[in-house]
PDB file of N, CA and C in Angstrom:
ATOM      1  N   UNK A   1     -35.105  38.939  84.745  1.00  0.00           N
ATOM      2  CA  UNK A   1     -34.879  37.753  85.773  1.00  0.00           C
ATOM      3  C   UNK A   1     -35.434  36.213  86.142  1.00  0.00           C
ATOM      4  N   UNK A   2     -34.551  35.494  85.274  1.00  0.00           N
ATOM      5  CA  UNK A   2     -35.202  33.912  85.693  1.00  0.00           C
ATOM      6  C   UNK A   2     -35.020  33.044  86.661  1.00  0.00           C
ATOM      7  N   UNK A   3     -36.680  33.087  86.850  1.00  0.00           N
ATOM      8  CA  UNK A   3     -37.185  32.758  88.917  1.00  0.00           C
ATOM      9  C   UNK A   3     -37.252  30.504  88.043  1.00  0.00           C
ATOM     10  N   UNK A   4     -36.576  30.294  87.379  1.00  0.00           N
ATOM     11  CA  UNK A   4     -37.008  28.610  87.048  1.00  0.00           C
ATOM     12  C   UNK A   4     -35.422  28.332  87.515  1.00  0.00           C
ATOM     13  N   UNK A   5     -35.491  27.257  88.233  1.00  0.00           N
ATOM     14  CA  UNK A   5     -34.503  26.643  89.232  1.00  0.00           C
ATOM     15  C   UNK A   5     -33.822  25.717  88.211  1.00  0.00           C
ATOM     16  N   UNK A   6     -33.108  25.032  87.851  1.00  0.00           N
ATOM     17  CA  UNK A   6     -32.605  23.259  87.181  1.00  0.00           C
ATOM     18  C   UNK A   6     -32.478  22.232  88.147  1.00  0.00           C
ATOM     19  N   UNK A   7     -32.731  21.099  87.861  1.00  0.00           N
ATOM     20  CA  UNK A   7     -32.747  20.220  88.305  1.00  0.00           C
ATOM     21  C   UNK A   7     -31.690  20.109  89.029  1.00  0.00           C
ATOM     22  N   UNK A   8     -30.466  20.616  88.890  1.00  0.00           N
ATOM     23  CA  UNK A   8     -29.225  20.682  89.166  1.00  0.00           C
ATOM     24  C   UNK A   8     -29.249  21.112  90.499  1.00  0.00           C
ATOM     25  N   UNK A   9     -29.821  23.083  90.459  1.00  0.00           N
ATOM     26  CA  UNK A   9     -29.869  23.674  91.960  1.00  0.00           C
ATOM     27  C   UNK A   9     -30.845  22.622  92.982  1.00  0.00           C
ATOM     28  N   UNK A  10     -32.239  22.550  91.936  1.00  0.00           N
ATOM     29  CA  UNK A  10     -33.421  21.617  93.220  1.00  0.00           C
ATOM     30  C   UNK A  10     -32.006  20.473  94.331  1.00  0.00           C
ATOM     31  N   UNK A  11     -31.662  20.249  93.446  1.00  0.00           N
ATOM     32  CA  UNK A  11     -30.845  18.724  94.202  1.00  0.00           C
ATOM     33  C   UNK A  11     -30.053  19.114  95.252  1.00  0.00           C
ATOM     34  N   UNK A  12     -28.915  20.430  94.933  1.00  0.00           N
ATOM     35  CA  UNK A  12     -28.378  20.830  95.827  1.00  0.00           C
ATOM     36  C   UNK A  12     -29.643  21.308  97.374  1.00  0.00           C
ATOM     37  N   UNK A  13     -30.731  22.008  96.411  1.00  0.00           N
ATOM     38  CA  UNK A  13     -31.111  22.933  97.889  1.00  0.00           C
ATOM     39  C   UNK A  13     -31.857  21.598  99.080  1.00  0.00           C
ATOM     40  N   UNK A  14     -31.802  20.088  98.299  1.00  0.00           N
ATOM     41  CA  UNK A  14     -32.842  19.322  99.268  1.00  0.00           C
ATOM     42  C   UNK A  14     -31.730  18.618  99.416  1.00  0.00           C
ATOM     43  N   UNK A  15     -30.275  18.551  98.978  1.00  0.00           N
ATOM     44  CA  UNK A  15     -29.576  17.811 100.009  1.00  0.00           C
ATOM     45  C   UNK A  15     -28.816  18.340 101.450  1.00  0.00           C
ATOM     46  N   UNK A  16     -29.058  20.204 100.951  1.00  0.00           N
ATOM     47  CA  UNK A  16     -28.542  21.226 102.134  1.00  0.00           C
ATOM     48  C   UNK A  16     -29.540  20.942 102.955  1.00  0.00           C
ATOM     49  N   UNK A  17     -31.318  20.767 102.578  1.00  0.00           N
ATOM     50  CA  UNK A  17     -31.627  20.860 103.886  1.00  0.00           C
ATOM     51  C   UNK A  17     -31.464  19.702 104.556  1.00  0.00           C
ATOM     52  N   UNK A  18     -31.434  17.957 104.194  1.00  0.00           N
ATOM     53  CA  UNK A  18     -31.251  17.188 104.863  1.00  0.00           C
ATOM     54  C   UNK A  18     -30.077  16.957 105.480  1.00  0.00           C
ATOM     55  N   UNK A  19     -29.054  17.346 104.791  1.00  0.00           N
ATOM     56  CA  UNK A  19     -27.456  18.210 105.445  1.00  0.00           C
ATOM     57  C   UNK A  19     -27.727  18.557 106.487  1.00  0.00           C
ATOM     58  N   UNK A  20     -28.792  19.330 106.669  1.00  0.00           N
ATOM     59  CA  UNK A  20     -28.847  20.679 107.780  1.00  0.00           C
ATOM     60  C   UNK A  20     -30.055  19.621 109.048  1.00  0.00           C
ATOM     61  N   UNK A  21     -30.099  19.164 108.683  1.00  0.00           N
ATOM     62  CA  UNK A  21     -31.633  18.543 109.681  1.00  0.00           C
ATOM     63  C   UNK A  21     -30.900  18.355 110.995  1.00  0.00           C
ATOM     64  N   UNK A  22     -32.075  18.923 111.895  1.00  0.00           N
ATOM     65  CA  UNK A  22     -31.361  18.705 112.669  1.00  0.00           C
ATOM     66  C   UNK A  22     -32.752  17.380 113.803  1.00  0.00           C
ATOM     67  N   UNK A  23     -31.635  16.902 114.939  1.00  0.00           N
ATOM     68  CA  UNK A  23     -32.597  16.707 115.816  1.00  0.00           C
ATOM     69  C   UNK A  23     -32.126  16.467 117.168  1.00  0.00           C
ATOM     70  N   UNK A  24     -33.984  16.070 117.665  1.00  0.00           N
ATOM     71  CA  UNK A  24     -32.903  16.609 120.147  1.00  0.00           C
ATOM     72  C   UNK A  24     -32.668  14.865 120.045  1.00  0.00           C
ATOM     73  N   UNK A  25     -31.725  15.186 120.962  1.00  0.00           N
ATOM     74  CA  UNK A  25     -30.951  13.622 121.503  1.00  0.00           C
ATOM     75  C   UNK A  25     -32.282  13.329 122.274  1.00  0.00           C
ATOM     76  N   UNK A  26     -32.607  12.252 122.593  1.00  0.00           N
ATOM     77  CA  UNK A  26     -33.154  11.396 123.312  1.00  0.00           C
ATOM     78  C   UNK A  26     -33.007  11.464 124.981  1.00  0.00           C
ATOM     79  N   UNK A  27     -31.805  11.436 124.953  1.00  0.00           N
ATOM     80  CA  UNK A  27     -30.907  11.787 126.221  1.00  0.00           C
ATOM     81  C   UNK A  27     -31.129  12.761 127.027  1.00  0.00           C
ATOM     82  N   UNK A  28     -30.292  14.247 126.315  1.00  0.00           N
ATOM     83  CA  UNK A  28     -30.143  14.883 127.204  1.00  0.00           C
ATOM     84  C   UNK A  28     -30.924  16.392 126.355  1.00  0.00           C
ATOM     85  N   UNK A  29     -31.503  16.558 125.177  1.00  0.00           N
ATOM     86  CA  UNK A  29     -32.879  16.973 124.003  1.00  0.00           C
ATOM     87  C   UNK A  29     -31.810  18.020 123.662  1.00  0.00           C
ATOM     88  N   UNK A  30     -30.738  17.619 123.667  1.00  0.00           N
ATOM     89  CA  UNK A  30     -29.620  18.657 122.973  1.00  0.00           C
ATOM     90  C   UNK A  30     -30.097  18.733 121.302  1.00  0.00           C
ATOM     91  N   UNK A  31     -30.345  19.608 120.496  1.00  0.00           N
ATOM     92  CA  UNK A  31     -29.992  19.706 119.101  1.00  0.00           C
ATOM     93  C   UNK A  31     -28.380  18.982 118.507  1.00  0.00           C
ATOM     94  N   UNK A  32     -28.914  18.223 117.536  1.00  0.00           N
ATOM     95  CA  UNK A  32     -27.204  17.889 116.878  1.00  0.00           C
ATOM     96  C   UNK A  32     -28.336  17.814 115.438  1.00  0.00           C
ATOM     97  N   UNK A  33     -26.707  17.582 114.422  1.00  0.00           N
ATOM     98  CA  UNK A  33     -26.574  17.043 113.074  1.00  0.00           C
ATOM     99  C   UNK A  33     -27.226  15.640 112.893  1.00  0.00           C
ATOM    100  N   UNK A  34     -28.134  15.289 112.182  1.00  0.00           N
ATOM    101  CA  UNK A  34     -28.757  13.798 111.971  1.00  0.00           C
ATOM    102  C   UNK A  34     -27.430  13.673 110.792  1.00  0.00           C
ATOM    103  N   UNK A  35     -27.264  14.190 109.697  1.00  0.00           N
ATOM    104  CA  UNK A  35     -26.346  13.594 108.314  1.00  0.00           C
ATOM    105  C   UNK A  35     -24.743  13.936 109.353  1.00  0.00           C
ATOM    106  N   UNK A  36     -23.773  12.387 109.381  1.00  0.00           N
ATOM    107  CA  UNK A  36     -22.489  12.258 109.436  1.00  0.00           C
ATOM    108  C   UNK A  36     -21.855  12.512 110.872  1.00  0.00           C
ATOM    109  N   UNK A  37     -23.352  12.212 111.875  1.00  0.00           N
ATOM    110  CA  UNK A  37     -23.710  11.665 113.185  1.00  0.00           C
ATOM    111  C   UNK A  37     -23.432  10.606 113.747  1.00  0.00           C
ATOM    112  N   UNK A  38     -21.885   9.783 113.998  1.00  0.00           N
ATOM    113  CA  UNK A  38     -21.964   8.594 114.466  1.00  0.00           C
ATOM    114  C   UNK A  38     -23.030   7.770 115.553  1.00  0.00           C
ATOM    115  N   UNK A  39     -23.166   8.749 116.433  1.00  0.00           N
ATOM    116  CA  UNK A  39     -23.978   8.503 117.387  1.00  0.00           C
ATOM    117  C   UNK A  39     -25.636   8.529 117.302  1.00  0.00           C
ATOM    118  N   UNK A  40     -25.872   9.145 115.932  1.00  0.00           N
ATOM    119  CA  UNK A  40     -27.823   8.948 116.303  1.00  0.00           C
ATOM    120  C   UNK A  40     -28.570   8.218 116.404  1.00  0.00           C
ATOM    121  N   UNK A  41     -29.773   8.189 117.305  1.00  0.00           N
ATOM    122  CA  UNK A  41     -30.552   9.398 117.009  1.00  0.00           C
ATOM    123  C   UNK A  41     -29.750  10.165 118.127  1.00  0.00           C
ATOM    124  N   UNK A  42     -28.205   9.558 119.018  1.00  0.00           N
ATOM    125  CA  UNK A  42     -27.956  10.514 120.072  1.00  0.00           C
ATOM    126  C   UNK A  42     -27.246  11.818 120.097  1.00  0.00           C
ATOM    127  N   UNK A  43     -26.800  12.467 120.927  1.00  0.00           N
ATOM    128  CA  UNK A  43     -25.933  13.646 120.286  1.00  0.00           C
ATOM    129  C   UNK A  43     -24.073  13.614 120.207  1.00  0.00           C
ATOM    130  N   UNK A  44     -24.118  12.330 121.283  1.00  0.00           N
ATOM    131  CA  UNK A  44     -22.618  11.597 121.694  1.00  0.00           C
ATOM    132  C   UNK A  44     -23.066  10.565 121.992  1.00  0.00           C
ATOM    133  N   UNK A  45     -21.697  10.006 122.074  1.00  0.00           N
ATOM    134  CA  UNK A  45     -21.570   8.525 122.797  1.00  0.00           C
ATOM    135  C   UNK A  45     -21.776   8.743 123.899  1.00  0.00           C
ATOM    136  N   UNK A  46     -21.489   9.856 124.715  1.00  0.00           N
ATOM    137  CA  UNK A  46     -21.887   9.800 126.272  1.00  0.00           C
ATOM    138  C   UNK A  46     -23.284   9.344 126.681  1.00  0.00           C
ATOM    139  N   UNK A  47     -24.122  10.088 125.535  1.00  0.00           N
ATOM    140  CA  UNK A  47     -25.771   9.985 125.358  1.00  0.00           C
ATOM    141  C   UNK A  47     -26.198   8.468 125.235  1.00  0.00           C
ATOM    142  N   UNK A  48     -25.664   8.026 124.398  1.00  0.00           N
ATOM    143  CA  UNK A  48     -25.626   6.610 124.035  1.00  0.00           C
ATOM    144  C   UNK A  48     -25.305   5.887 124.795  1.00  0.00           C
ATOM    145  N   UNK A  49     -24.302   6.033 125.229  1.00  0.00           N
ATOM    146  CA  UNK A  49     -23.841   5.153 126.431  1.00  0.00           C
ATOM    147  C   UNK A  49     -24.552   5.073 127.954  1.00  0.00           C
ATOM    148  N   UNK A  50     -25.161   5.949 128.250  1.00  0.00           N
ATOM    149  CA  UNK A  50     -26.376   5.947 129.697  1.00  0.00           C
ATOM    150  C   UNK A  50     -27.479   5.566 129.017  1.00  0.00           C
ATOM    151  N   UNK A  51     -27.787   5.610 127.952  1.00  0.00           N
ATOM    152  CA  UNK A  51     -29.097   4.995 127.076  1.00  0.00           C
ATOM    153  C   UNK A  51     -28.949   4.105 127.873  1.00  0.00           C
ATOM    154  N   UNK A  52     -27.639   2.821 126.936  1.00  0.00           N
ATOM    155  CA  UNK A  52     -27.563   1.435 127.374  1.00  0.00           C
ATOM    156  C   UNK A  52     -27.047   1.305 128.808  1.00  0.00           C
ATOM    157  N   UNK A  53     -26.892   2.098 129.429  1.00  0.00           N
ATOM    158  CA  UNK A  53     -26.969   1.689 130.936  1.00  0.00           C
ATOM    159  C   UNK A  53     -27.925   1.195 130.984  1.00  0.00           C
ATOM    160  N   UNK A  54     -28.900   2.202 131.097  1.00  0.00           N
ATOM    161  CA  UNK A  54     -30.798   2.127 131.835  1.00  0.00           C
ATOM    162  C   UNK A  54     -31.143   1.005 131.373  1.00  0.00           C
ATOM    163  N   UNK A  55     -30.722   1.096 129.677  1.00  0.00           N
ATOM    164  CA  UNK A  55     -31.534  -0.774 129.566  1.00  0.00           C
ATOM    165  C   UNK A  55     -31.217  -1.691 130.534  1.00  0.00           C
ATOM    166  N   UNK A  56     -29.769  -1.815 129.980  1.00  0.00           N
ATOM    167  CA  UNK A  56     -28.634  -2.599 131.290  1.00  0.00           C
ATOM    168  C   UNK A  56     -29.309  -2.731 132.670  1.00  0.00           C
ATOM    169  N   UNK A  57     -29.054  -2.081 132.777  1.00  0.00           N
ATOM    170  CA  UNK A  57     -30.073  -1.756 134.953  1.00  0.00           C
ATOM    171  C   UNK A  57     -31.558  -2.004 134.872  1.00  0.00           C
ATOM    172  N   UNK A  58     -32.277  -2.489 133.449  1.00  0.00           N
ATOM    173  CA  UNK A  58     -33.814  -2.286 134.223  1.00  0.00           C
ATOM    174  C   UNK A  58     -34.364  -0.657 133.809  1.00  0.00           C
ATOM    175  N   UNK A  59     -33.942  -0.162 134.454  1.00  0.00           N
ATOM    176  CA  UNK A  59     -34.436   1.294 134.195  1.00  0.00           C
ATOM    177  C   UNK A  59     -35.489   1.233 132.682  1.00  0.00           C
ATOM    178  N   UNK A  60     -35.654   0.865 131.642  1.00  0.00           N
ATOM    179  CA  UNK A  60     -36.837   0.880 130.967  1.00  0.00           C
ATOM    180  C   UNK A  60     -36.570  -0.571 130.642  1.00  0.00           C
ATOM    181  N   UNK A  61     -37.827  -0.348 130.046  1.00  0.00           N
ATOM    182  CA  UNK A  61     -38.627  -2.366 129.614  1.00  0.00           C
ATOM    183  C   UNK A  61     -39.542  -2.219 128.706  1.00  0.00           C
ATOM    184  N   UNK A  62     -39.677  -2.789 128.098  1.00  0.00           N
ATOM    185  CA  UNK A  62     -40.654  -2.953 126.999  1.00  0.00           C
ATOM    186  C   UNK A  62     -41.693  -4.122 127.700  1.00  0.00           C
ATOM    187  N   UNK A  63     -43.129  -3.871 127.624  1.00  0.00           N
ATOM    188  CA  UNK A  63     -44.260  -4.130 127.890  1.00  0.00           C
ATOM    189  C   UNK A  63     -44.302  -5.714 127.250  1.00  0.00           C
ATOM    190  N   UNK A  64     -44.681  -6.521 128.165  1.00  0.00           N
ATOM    191  CA  UNK A  64     -45.378  -8.051 127.257  1.00  0.00           C
ATOM    192  C   UNK A  64     -45.556  -8.986 128.548  1.00  0.00           C
ATOM    193  N   UNK A  65     -46.123  -9.813 128.072  1.00  0.00           N
ATOM    194  CA  UNK A  65     -47.157 -10.870 129.438  1.00  0.00           C
ATOM    195  C   UNK A  65     -45.537 -11.027 130.626  1.00  0.00           C
ATOM    196  N   UNK A  66     -46.649 -11.733 131.647  1.00  0.00           N
ATOM    197  CA  UNK A  66     -45.293 -11.625 132.695  1.00  0.00           C
ATOM    198  C   UNK A  66     -44.552 -13.435 132.745  1.00  0.00           C
ATOM    199  N   UNK A  67     -43.878 -13.622 132.397  1.00  0.00           N
ATOM    200  CA  UNK A  67     -43.189 -14.863 132.436  1.00  0.00           C
ATOM    201  C   UNK A  67     -43.745 -16.225 133.538  1.00  0.00           C
ATOM    202  N   UNK A  68     -44.011 -17.006 133.236  1.00  0.00           N
ATOM    203  CA  UNK A  68     -44.297 -18.037 133.390  1.00  0.00           C
ATOM    204  C   UNK A  68     -43.566 -19.281 134.076  1.00  0.00           C
ATOM    205  N   UNK A  69     -43.178 -19.712 134.727  1.00  0.00           N
ATOM    206  CA  UNK A  69     -42.436 -20.955 134.905  1.00  0.00           C
ATOM    207  C   UNK A  69     -42.838 -22.040 134.442  1.00  0.00           C
ATOM    208  N   UNK A  70     -44.177 -22.202 133.702  1.00  0.00           N
ATOM    209  CA  UNK A  70     -43.629 -23.506 132.722  1.00  0.00           C
ATOM    210  C   UNK A  70     -43.782 -22.859 131.106  1.00  0.00           C
ATOM    211  N   UNK A  71     -43.451 -22.018 130.812  1.00  0.00           N
ATOM    212  CA  UNK A  71     -43.065 -21.229 129.707  1.00  0.00           C
ATOM    213  C   UNK A  71     -41.503 -21.453 129.460  1.00  0.00           C
ATOM    214  N   UNK A  72     -40.892 -21.671 130.959  1.00  0.00           N
ATOM    215  CA  UNK A  72     -38.954 -21.975 130.554  1.00  0.00           C
ATOM    216  C   UNK A  72     -38.674 -23.274 130.222  1.00  0.00           C
ATOM    217  N   UNK A  73     -37.815 -23.531 129.437  1.00  0.00           N
ATOM    218  CA  UNK A  73     -37.175 -25.363 129.172  1.00  0.00           C
ATOM    219  C   UNK A  73     -36.709 -25.691 130.485  1.00  0.00           C
ATOM    220  N   UNK A  74     -36.588 -26.457 130.637  1.00  0.00           N
ATOM    221  CA  UNK A  74     -36.267 -27.136 131.659  1.00  0.00           C
ATOM    222  C   UNK A  74     -35.079 -28.317 131.350  1.00  0.00           C
ATOM    223  N   UNK A  75     -33.855 -28.353 131.734  1.00  0.00           N
ATOM    224  CA  UNK A  75     -32.780 -28.951 131.310  1.00  0.00           C
ATOM    225  C   UNK A  75     -33.133 -29.938 132.366  1.00  0.00           C
ATOM    226  N   UNK A  76     -33.249 -30.133 133.213  1.00  0.00           N
ATOM    227  CA  UNK A  76     -33.079 -31.411 134.192  1.00  0.00           C
ATOM    228  C   UNK A  76     -34.760 -32.198 134.115  1.00  0.00           C
ATOM    229  N   UNK A  77     -34.497 -33.283 133.910  1.00  0.00           N
ATOM    230  CA  UNK A  77     -35.523 -34.441 133.496  1.00  0.00           C
ATOM    231  C   UNK A  77     -36.878 -34.248 134.779  1.00  0.00           C
ATOM    232  N   UNK A  78     -37.809 -34.452 133.945  1.00  0.00           N
ATOM    233  CA  UNK A  78     -39.172 -33.981 135.007  1.00  0.00           C
ATOM    234  C   UNK A  78     -39.302 -35.324 135.421  1.00  0.00           C
ATOM    235  N   UNK A  79     -38.389 -36.693 135.285  1.00  0.00           N
ATOM    236  CA  UNK A  79     -38.693 -37.647 136.301  1.00  0.00           C
ATOM    237  C   UNK A  79     -38.293 -38.766 135.975  1.00  0.00           C
ATOM    238  N   UNK A  80     -38.068 -40.261 136.833  1.00  0.00           N
ATOM    239  CA  UNK A  80     -37.167 -40.862 136.387  1.00  0.00           C
ATOM    240  C   UNK A  80     -36.727 -41.206 135.425  1.00  0.00           C
ATOM    241  N   UNK A  81     -37.867 -42.035 134.803  1.00  0.00           N
ATOM    242  CA  UNK A  81     -37.688 -42.461 133.654  1.00  0.00           C
ATOM    243  C   UNK A  81     -36.561 -41.608 132.412  1.00  0.00           C
ATOM    244  N   UNK A  82     -36.824 -40.367 131.871  1.00  0.00           N
ATOM    245  CA  UNK A  82     -35.793 -39.949 131.556  1.00  0.00           C
ATOM    246  C   UNK A  82     -34.464 -40.058 131.749  1.00  0.00           C
ATOM    247  N   UNK A  83     -34.368 -39.890 133.416  1.00  0.00           N
ATOM    248  CA  UNK A  83     -32.557 -39.669 133.590  1.00  0.00           C
ATOM    249  C   UNK A  83     -32.198 -40.985 132.960  1.00  0.00           C
ATOM    250  N   UNK A  84     -32.983 -42.112 132.504  1.00  0.00           N
ATOM    251  CA  UNK A  84     -31.553 -43.170 132.490  1.00  0.00           C
ATOM    252  C   UNK A  84     -31.296 -43.412 130.801  1.00  0.00           C
TER     253      UNK A  84
END
């Protein structure tokens, strides 16, 4: 019995394992395929849109320094000389 695998067989094994790779949806925690999934890392369009809605409604945020009024660019002139 020959236990040596050809390079072609090894490539097939690696490809099969990658194609079968499963991930957990960050939304519903359901397992789904990575390959061929247009919504990855989500399992479905529904989970993707729920996550997008959470970002849009400020349920999620990224930590940063507080916004300071002096950092904002004003479109109005600050003194009388700049208005003329």
